[in-house]
């Protein structure tokens, strides 16, 4: 039978344990709150959460942070989505945006669903990977002249990522901006950017070797405009914008007539994410060579090697395909 003295001792012991538990919980809450209130750079020592708005920005970010501990990168728009024409965010997307420490954008209007007001409301560090690159004029698609290009109000063609040298610029920009905000990562980020730049320059030399060829390039979509711009091969026409229907038969026949009249060899370029019916018509009418190139606007989120390896392999295949078509 418990004595009065023993009962009091038990009560005191329980009270002390409860007090310690409450104190520990309060201390944990204070620690969590103080951590959340720290500047982003101060939290980087533990972990860094980066959100890439679209797949090309995701590839560039992974390339910049390759091998750096405690840094993770997530993707906002699904990797299978392609160019975010008419993309509408979900509540889950908004939660991702609000929890990210860093948001990486392609820029130049490529992400029209992320308007200025929304971006201004986010606490994340915003990095526009394509900033500093020159403008490349949009080519009016044959289907639907005068319509909305689907990439917001950005000036020029925003598909920098389809050119290795421009993609390298994106990687370097991400590395530089992260270095300024998180100095502890500077050496690793700069090393990654430099290593990739050297490999991109090797591809650029291969592209330069193909420049000057007398050829008429017809693109299914303007995603690859930067690729051919940096190969110094002029684009004669772009057939469509986004996933809408291609040009009418009359417009295609008129284009085929111009191609035949010019007399130069023609290269018809398709992309994996679009049906190629319009190019089928042009191929029949002109006997032009046809290639399918991958602008890396879609792709995997896990890789056998690294994201950089994946990008370089795809671009090497694109260059080889164009070389083979031009030398037939």
Protein backbone atom coordinates (compact mmCIF):
# COMPACT_ATOMS: atom_id res chain seq x y z
CA UNK A 1 0.00 0.00 0.00
CA UNK A 2 1.43 3.41 -1.07
CA UNK A 3 2.18 5.78 1.79
CA UNK A 4 1.31 9.47 1.72
CA UNK A 5 5.03 10.31 1.52
CA UNK A 6 5.57 7.89 -1.34
CA UNK A 7 2.58 9.27 -3.20
CA UNK A 8 3.94 12.80 -2.93
CA UNK A 9 7.34 11.67 -4.22
CA UNK A 10 5.73 9.95 -7.20
CA UNK A 11 3.68 13.04 -7.97
CA UNK A 12 6.77 15.27 -7.80
CA UNK A 13 8.71 12.92 -10.11
CA UNK A 14 5.90 12.90 -12.64
CA UNK A 15 5.68 16.67 -12.47
CA UNK A 16 9.40 17.02 -13.13
CA UNK A 17 9.20 14.67 -16.11
CA UNK A 18 6.25 16.61 -17.51
CA UNK A 19 8.09 19.91 -17.00
CA UNK A 20 11.16 18.57 -18.80
CA UNK A 21 8.98 17.29 -21.66
CA UNK A 22 7.20 20.63 -22.05
CA UNK A 23 10.52 22.47 -21.91
CA UNK A 24 12.04 20.24 -24.61
CA UNK A 25 9.01 20.68 -26.86
CA UNK A 26 9.09 24.44 -26.39
CA UNK A 27 12.81 24.53 -27.11
CA UNK A 28 12.29 22.51 -30.27
CA UNK A 29 9.58 24.90 -31.44
CA UNK A 30 11.80 27.91 -30.75
CA UNK A 31 14.67 26.27 -32.63
CA UNK A 32 12.44 25.47 -35.61
CA UNK A 33 11.00 28.98 -35.68
CA UNK A 34 14.43 30.59 -35.44
CA UNK A 35 15.68 28.38 -38.28
CA UNK A 36 12.80 29.36 -40.52
CA UNK A 37 13.42 33.04 -39.79
CA UNK A 38 17.08 32.81 -40.75
CA UNK A 39 18.17 34.15 -44.15
CA UNK A 40 18.26 31.48 -46.87
CA UNK A 41 22.07 31.56 -46.92
CA UNK A 42 22.28 30.75 -43.23
CA UNK A 43 20.12 27.63 -43.70
CA UNK A 44 22.23 26.33 -46.58
CA UNK A 45 24.66 24.60 -44.23
CA UNK A 46 21.98 22.03 -43.43
CA UNK A 47 20.01 21.72 -46.67
CA UNK A 48 18.99 23.64 -49.73
CA UNK A 49 15.73 23.03 -51.56
CA UNK A 50 15.61 24.25 -55.17
CA UNK A 51 12.53 24.20 -57.38
CA UNK A 52 12.96 24.32 -61.15
CA UNK A 53 9.92 25.68 -62.97
CA UNK A 54 10.29 23.59 -66.14
CA UNK A 55 12.29 20.64 -67.42
CA UNK A 56 15.08 22.59 -69.18
CA UNK A 57 15.65 24.63 -66.00
CA UNK A 58 15.64 21.35 -64.06
CA UNK A 59 18.40 19.91 -66.25
CA UNK A 60 20.46 23.09 -65.96
CA UNK A 61 20.04 23.22 -62.18
CA UNK A 62 21.01 19.58 -61.70
CA UNK A 63 24.08 20.21 -63.84
CA UNK A 64 25.07 23.19 -61.69
CA UNK A 65 24.63 21.42 -58.33
CA UNK A 66 25.93 17.99 -59.38
CA UNK A 67 27.67 16.20 -56.51
CA UNK A 68 26.98 18.89 -53.89
CA UNK A 69 25.74 17.46 -50.59
CA UNK A 70 22.48 18.52 -48.96
CA UNK A 71 21.12 20.19 -52.09
CA UNK A 72 17.98 18.80 -53.71
CA UNK A 73 16.11 19.92 -56.80
CA UNK A 74 12.43 19.36 -57.55
CA UNK A 75 10.42 20.06 -60.70
CA UNK A 76 7.25 22.16 -60.85
CA UNK A 77 5.84 21.38 -64.33
CA UNK A 78 5.92 17.66 -65.10
CA UNK A 79 8.84 16.52 -67.23
CA UNK A 80 6.45 15.11 -69.82
CA UNK A 81 4.58 18.40 -70.25
CA UNK A 82 6.92 20.11 -72.74
CA UNK A 83 6.61 23.83 -73.38
CA UNK A 84 4.14 25.16 -70.79
CA UNK A 85 1.65 26.63 -73.27
CA UNK A 86 -1.57 27.44 -71.40
CA UNK A 87 -0.32 25.69 -68.27
CA UNK A 88 -2.57 26.10 -65.24
CA UNK A 89 -1.10 25.60 -61.78
CA UNK A 90 -2.65 23.25 -59.25
CA UNK A 91 -2.88 23.85 -55.48
CA UNK A 92 0.00 21.38 -55.12
CA UNK A 93 2.09 23.53 -57.47
CA UNK A 94 1.42 26.57 -55.32
CA UNK A 95 2.52 24.68 -52.21
CA UNK A 96 5.77 23.73 -53.94
CA UNK A 97 6.41 27.34 -54.86
CA UNK A 98 5.80 28.56 -51.32
CA UNK A 99 8.09 25.96 -49.73
CA UNK A 100 11.06 26.40 -52.10
CA UNK A 101 14.16 28.29 -51.00
CA UNK A 102 15.21 28.87 -54.60
CA UNK A 103 13.10 29.03 -57.77
CA UNK A 104 14.90 28.62 -61.10
CA UNK A 105 13.21 29.94 -64.23
CA UNK A 106 14.14 29.74 -67.88
CA UNK A 107 12.93 33.32 -68.33
CA UNK A 108 12.04 35.42 -71.38
CA UNK A 109 8.37 34.57 -71.01
CA UNK A 110 8.84 30.80 -71.16
CA UNK A 111 6.80 30.41 -67.95
CA UNK A 112 3.76 32.67 -68.56
CA UNK A 113 1.84 31.07 -65.68
CA UNK A 114 4.35 32.62 -63.25
CA UNK A 115 3.35 36.26 -63.52
CA UNK A 116 5.18 39.14 -61.86
CA UNK A 117 2.72 39.47 -58.99
CA UNK A 118 2.99 35.80 -58.10
CA UNK A 119 6.78 35.84 -58.27
CA UNK A 120 6.93 38.96 -56.11
CA UNK A 121 4.84 37.23 -53.43
CA UNK A 122 7.29 34.33 -53.08
CA UNK A 123 10.05 34.34 -50.48
CA UNK A 124 12.31 32.16 -52.61
CA UNK A 125 15.43 33.42 -54.32
CA UNK A 126 14.45 33.77 -57.99
CA UNK A 127 17.03 32.86 -60.65
CA UNK A 128 16.36 33.57 -64.32
CA UNK A 129 18.76 31.18 -66.01
CA UNK A 130 18.54 32.82 -69.44
CA UNK A 131 19.22 36.39 -68.30
CA UNK A 132 21.98 38.13 -70.20
CA UNK A 133 21.44 36.18 -73.41
CA UNK A 134 20.67 38.15 -76.58
CA UNK A 135 17.24 38.12 -78.16
CA UNK A 136 16.43 35.88 -81.08
CA UNK A 137 13.44 37.12 -83.02
CA UNK A 138 10.38 34.91 -83.05
CA UNK A 139 9.56 33.38 -86.43
CA UNK A 140 5.85 33.68 -87.16
CA UNK A 141 4.48 30.15 -87.54
CA UNK A 142 2.80 29.22 -90.78
CA UNK A 143 -0.28 28.07 -88.87
CA UNK A 144 -2.18 31.02 -87.43
CA UNK A 145 -0.32 34.23 -88.33
CA UNK A 146 -0.67 36.96 -85.75
CA UNK A 147 -1.75 34.67 -82.91
CA UNK A 148 -0.40 34.58 -79.38
CA UNK A 149 2.92 32.79 -79.24
CA UNK A 150 1.98 31.11 -76.01
CA UNK A 151 4.97 32.23 -73.93
CA UNK A 152 3.62 35.36 -72.32
CA UNK A 153 5.06 38.77 -73.06
CA UNK A 154 8.72 37.75 -73.14
CA UNK A 155 10.70 39.27 -75.99
CA UNK A 156 12.28 36.91 -78.48
CA UNK A 157 12.57 33.15 -78.61
CA UNK A 158 12.94 31.72 -75.08
CA UNK A 159 14.13 28.22 -76.05
CA UNK A 160 17.79 28.87 -75.21
CA UNK A 161 18.24 25.35 -73.90
CA UNK A 162 18.13 23.79 -77.39
CA UNK A 163 21.64 25.14 -78.06
CA UNK A 164 24.56 23.70 -76.04
CA UNK A 165 26.38 27.02 -75.73
CA UNK A 166 23.22 28.79 -74.51
CA UNK A 167 22.42 25.96 -72.11
CA UNK A 168 25.95 26.33 -70.75
CA UNK A 169 25.17 30.00 -70.10
CA UNK A 170 22.08 28.91 -68.14
CA UNK A 171 24.18 26.55 -66.01
CA UNK A 172 26.75 29.29 -65.34
CA UNK A 173 24.05 31.80 -64.38
CA UNK A 174 22.50 29.37 -61.91
CA UNK A 175 25.93 28.60 -60.44
CA UNK A 176 26.80 32.29 -60.12
CA UNK A 177 23.53 33.33 -58.48
CA UNK A 178 23.63 30.41 -56.05
CA UNK A 179 27.26 31.23 -55.21
CA UNK A 180 26.34 34.78 -54.28
CA UNK A 181 23.53 33.62 -51.99
CA UNK A 182 25.29 30.54 -50.61
CA UNK A 183 29.05 31.29 -50.55
CA UNK A 184 29.93 27.93 -49.00
CA UNK A 185 28.91 26.25 -52.27
CA UNK A 186 30.85 28.62 -54.54
CA UNK A 187 33.85 26.42 -55.37
CA UNK A 188 31.77 23.35 -56.21
CA UNK A 189 29.27 25.34 -58.27
CA UNK A 190 31.95 27.09 -60.29
CA UNK A 191 33.78 23.82 -60.90
CA UNK A 192 30.59 22.23 -62.23
CA UNK A 193 29.83 25.18 -64.51
CA UNK A 194 33.37 25.25 -65.88
CA UNK A 195 33.45 21.50 -66.51
CA UNK A 196 30.18 21.66 -68.41
CA UNK A 197 31.25 24.73 -70.39
CA UNK A 198 34.28 22.88 -71.75
CA UNK A 199 32.10 20.02 -72.97
CA UNK A 200 29.55 22.41 -74.48
CA UNK A 201 32.32 24.21 -76.34
CA UNK A 202 33.39 20.92 -77.90
CA UNK A 203 29.86 20.48 -79.26
CA UNK A 204 29.87 24.09 -80.45
CA UNK A 205 32.94 23.34 -82.58
CA UNK A 206 31.07 20.46 -84.21
CA UNK A 207 28.17 22.80 -84.93
CA UNK A 208 30.50 25.43 -86.39
CA UNK A 209 31.86 22.82 -88.78
CA UNK A 210 28.37 22.50 -90.28
CA UNK A 211 27.79 26.23 -90.65
CA UNK A 212 27.52 27.78 -94.07
CA UNK A 213 25.81 24.81 -95.68
CA UNK A 214 23.33 25.86 -98.35
CA UNK A 215 20.13 24.45 -96.93
CA UNK A 216 16.57 25.52 -96.19
CA UNK A 217 15.56 24.51 -92.66
CA UNK A 218 11.87 24.03 -91.89
CA UNK A 219 10.99 23.55 -88.22
CA UNK A 220 7.85 21.89 -86.98
CA UNK A 221 8.03 24.12 -83.88
CA UNK A 222 10.33 27.00 -82.97
CA UNK A 223 11.89 25.18 -80.02
CA UNK A 224 14.99 24.38 -82.09
CA UNK A 225 15.47 27.89 -83.50
CA UNK A 226 18.43 28.58 -81.20
CA UNK A 227 20.05 25.28 -82.16
CA UNK A 228 20.08 26.21 -85.85
CA UNK A 229 20.92 29.85 -85.13
CA UNK A 230 24.11 28.74 -83.40
CA UNK A 231 24.80 26.32 -86.24
CA UNK A 232 24.49 29.31 -88.61
CA UNK A 233 21.86 27.57 -90.71
CA UNK A 234 18.91 29.82 -91.62
CA UNK A 235 15.38 28.76 -90.73
CA UNK A 236 13.07 29.17 -93.72
CA UNK A 237 9.81 28.48 -91.89
CA UNK A 238 8.17 27.31 -88.65
CA UNK A 239 5.02 25.28 -89.18
CA UNK A 240 3.14 25.59 -85.89
CA UNK A 241 3.19 26.93 -82.36
CA UNK A 242 2.34 24.61 -79.53
CA UNK A 243 0.12 21.60 -80.06
CA UNK A 244 -2.55 23.24 -82.20
CA UNK A 245 -3.30 22.01 -85.70
CA UNK A 246 -0.66 22.55 -88.33
CA UNK A 247 -0.95 24.72 -91.45
CA UNK A 248 -3.72 24.16 -93.97
CA UNK A 249 -2.95 22.09 -97.09
CA UNK A 250 -2.98 25.28 -99.16
CA UNK A 251 -0.31 26.91 -96.97
CA UNK A 252 1.81 23.77 -97.05
CA UNK A 253 1.62 23.55 -100.84
CA UNK A 254 2.59 27.23 -101.11
CA UNK A 255 5.61 26.62 -98.86
CA UNK A 256 6.57 23.56 -100.90
CA UNK A 257 6.47 25.73 -104.01
CA UNK A 258 8.86 28.27 -102.45
CA UNK A 259 11.21 25.50 -101.38
CA UNK A 260 11.32 24.03 -104.89
CA UNK A 261 11.78 27.46 -106.45
CA UNK A 262 14.77 28.25 -104.22
CA UNK A 263 16.46 25.07 -105.34
CA UNK A 264 18.61 24.61 -102.22
CA UNK A 265 18.36 21.32 -100.33
CA UNK A 266 15.69 21.34 -97.64
CA UNK A 267 15.85 19.87 -94.14
CA UNK A 268 12.54 19.13 -92.43
CA UNK A 269 12.91 18.99 -88.65
CA UNK A 270 10.38 17.29 -86.38
CA UNK A 271 10.28 16.93 -82.58
CA UNK A 272 9.27 13.92 -80.45
CA UNK A 273 6.35 15.70 -78.75
CA UNK A 274 4.49 16.71 -81.92
CA UNK A 275 2.72 14.74 -84.65
CA UNK A 276 4.43 15.12 -88.01
CA UNK A 277 1.55 15.15 -90.51
CA UNK A 278 2.48 18.56 -91.93
CA UNK A 279 6.05 17.45 -92.47
CA UNK A 280 4.77 14.32 -94.21
CA UNK A 281 3.06 16.55 -96.79
CA UNK A 282 6.18 18.67 -97.33
CA UNK A 283 8.37 15.59 -97.64
CA UNK A 284 6.13 14.21 -100.39
CA UNK A 285 6.00 17.53 -102.23
CA UNK A 286 9.70 18.40 -102.03
CA UNK A 287 11.59 15.11 -101.51
CA UNK A 288 13.38 16.92 -98.68
CA UNK A 289 15.47 15.15 -96.05
CA UNK A 290 13.75 14.73 -92.71
CA UNK A 291 15.22 14.42 -89.22
CA UNK A 292 13.76 14.22 -85.73
CA UNK A 293 15.71 16.22 -83.14
CA UNK A 294 15.19 16.39 -79.39
CA UNK A 295 15.26 19.93 -77.90
CA UNK A 296 15.21 18.51 -74.32
CA UNK A 297 11.95 20.25 -73.49
CA UNK A 298 10.83 16.88 -72.10
CA UNK A 299 12.78 13.95 -70.71
CA UNK A 300 13.57 11.72 -67.74
CA UNK A 301 13.94 12.90 -64.15
CA UNK A 302 16.42 10.17 -63.20
CA UNK A 303 19.55 9.36 -65.17
CA UNK A 304 22.00 6.49 -65.64
CA UNK A 305 24.81 9.02 -65.36
CA UNK A 306 24.20 12.70 -64.63
CA UNK A 307 21.83 15.31 -65.99
CA UNK A 308 24.81 16.87 -67.78
CA UNK A 309 25.63 13.54 -69.42
CA UNK A 310 22.04 13.19 -70.57
CA UNK A 311 21.93 16.67 -72.08
CA UNK A 312 25.26 16.29 -73.87
CA UNK A 313 24.30 12.87 -75.24
CA UNK A 314 21.02 14.22 -76.66
CA UNK A 315 22.74 17.22 -78.25
CA UNK A 316 25.49 15.06 -79.71
CA UNK A 317 22.81 12.89 -81.30
CA UNK A 318 21.09 16.00 -82.71
CA UNK A 319 24.31 17.29 -84.26
CA UNK A 320 25.13 13.88 -85.71
CA UNK A 321 21.65 13.60 -87.23
CA UNK A 322 21.96 17.00 -88.93
CA UNK A 323 25.45 16.16 -90.17
CA UNK A 324 24.22 12.89 -91.66
CA UNK A 325 21.28 14.62 -93.37
CA UNK A 326 23.47 17.35 -94.87
CA UNK A 327 26.03 14.92 -96.24
CA UNK A 328 23.60 12.58 -98.00
